Protein backbone atom coordinates (compact mmCIF):
# COMPACT_ATOMS: atom_id res chain seq x y z
CA MET A 1 65.39 121.78 -51.92
CA ILE A 2 66.38 122.63 -55.47
CA ALA A 3 70.11 122.92 -55.97
CA VAL A 4 70.92 126.02 -57.97
CA ALA A 5 74.49 126.51 -56.83
CA LYS A 6 77.29 127.21 -59.28
CA LYS A 7 78.76 123.74 -58.83
CA SER A 8 75.38 122.01 -59.04
CA GLY A 9 75.28 121.59 -62.78
CA PHE A 10 72.24 123.85 -63.13
CA GLY A 11 73.58 125.30 -66.37
CA LYS A 12 73.88 121.84 -67.90
CA VAL A 13 70.33 120.97 -66.84
CA LEU A 14 69.05 124.23 -68.32
CA LYS A 15 70.89 123.66 -71.59
CA ARG A 16 69.53 120.10 -71.83
CA LEU A 17 65.96 121.33 -71.25
CA ARG A 18 66.41 124.13 -73.79
CA GLN A 19 67.72 121.74 -76.42
CA LYS A 20 64.94 119.25 -75.66
CA ALA A 21 62.47 122.07 -76.34
CA GLU A 22 64.32 122.72 -79.61
CA LEU A 23 64.97 126.36 -78.71
CA THR A 24 68.01 128.48 -79.36
CA GLN A 25 69.44 130.56 -76.54
CA SER A 26 68.01 133.65 -78.19
CA GLU A 27 64.54 132.13 -78.45
CA LEU A 28 64.51 131.01 -74.83
CA ALA A 29 65.83 134.37 -73.66
CA ASP A 30 63.02 136.12 -75.53
CA LEU A 31 60.38 133.78 -74.10
CA ALA A 32 61.74 134.18 -70.57
CA LYS A 33 62.16 137.94 -71.02
CA ILE A 34 65.83 137.90 -70.04
CA SER A 35 68.87 138.94 -72.05
CA GLY A 36 70.67 136.44 -74.25
CA ALA A 37 73.89 137.29 -72.43
CA ALA A 38 72.31 136.46 -69.06
CA LEU A 39 71.04 133.12 -70.37
CA SER A 40 74.47 132.30 -71.77
CA ARG A 41 76.15 133.09 -68.44
CA ILE A 42 73.65 130.89 -66.60
CA GLU A 43 74.14 127.97 -69.02
CA ASN A 44 77.92 128.31 -68.69
CA SER A 45 77.72 128.34 -64.88
CA GLU A 46 79.13 131.86 -64.75
CA ARG A 47 76.03 133.17 -63.02
CA GLU A 48 73.29 131.78 -60.80
CA PRO A 49 69.71 132.67 -61.73
CA SER A 50 67.58 134.68 -59.35
CA TRP A 51 64.35 133.10 -58.17
CA ASP A 52 62.43 135.34 -60.60
CA THR A 53 64.64 134.22 -63.49
CA LEU A 54 64.22 130.60 -62.49
CA LEU A 55 60.44 131.02 -62.60
CA ARG A 56 60.62 132.75 -65.97
CA LEU A 57 62.77 129.96 -67.41
CA ALA A 58 60.43 127.27 -66.09
CA ARG A 59 57.42 129.02 -67.61
CA ALA A 60 59.18 129.59 -70.93
CA LEU A 61 60.19 125.93 -71.11
CA ASN A 62 56.77 124.79 -69.84
CA VAL A 63 58.34 122.63 -67.14
CA PRO A 64 57.89 122.49 -63.37
CA ILE A 65 60.66 124.06 -61.33
CA SER A 66 61.54 120.60 -60.06
CA GLU A 67 62.94 119.83 -63.54
CA PHE A 68 65.88 122.06 -62.67
CA ASP A 69 66.75 120.03 -59.57
CA THR A 70 70.23 118.59 -59.99
CA GLY A 71 69.84 116.35 -56.97
CA GLU A 72 72.64 118.09 -55.11
CA ASP A 73 72.33 120.00 -51.87
CA PRO A 74 74.07 123.39 -52.15
CA ARG A 75 74.37 123.52 -48.36
CA LYS A 76 77.04 120.80 -48.47
CA ASP A 77 79.62 123.34 -49.67
CA ASP A 78 78.64 125.72 -46.84
CA GLU A 79 78.96 123.01 -44.20
CA ALA A 80 82.42 121.94 -45.40
CA GLY A 81 83.87 125.44 -44.91
């Protein structure tokens, strides 16, 4: 399961992949057909991407979705509560 929870570090993974691709936020947003503001919120862990947005980002970065896996299980937070 791919961890895409707010505490998972997804935004950091996304930012690292974007920088590795040598893209600005604006360039990646254009390629993924999302707003620059949405991309910024995702990178700053202020928002979780929808499945559609996740697919768009993977395609724009030319990486498999598994590249976004932070190795954390988001269900752990649910089980603790």
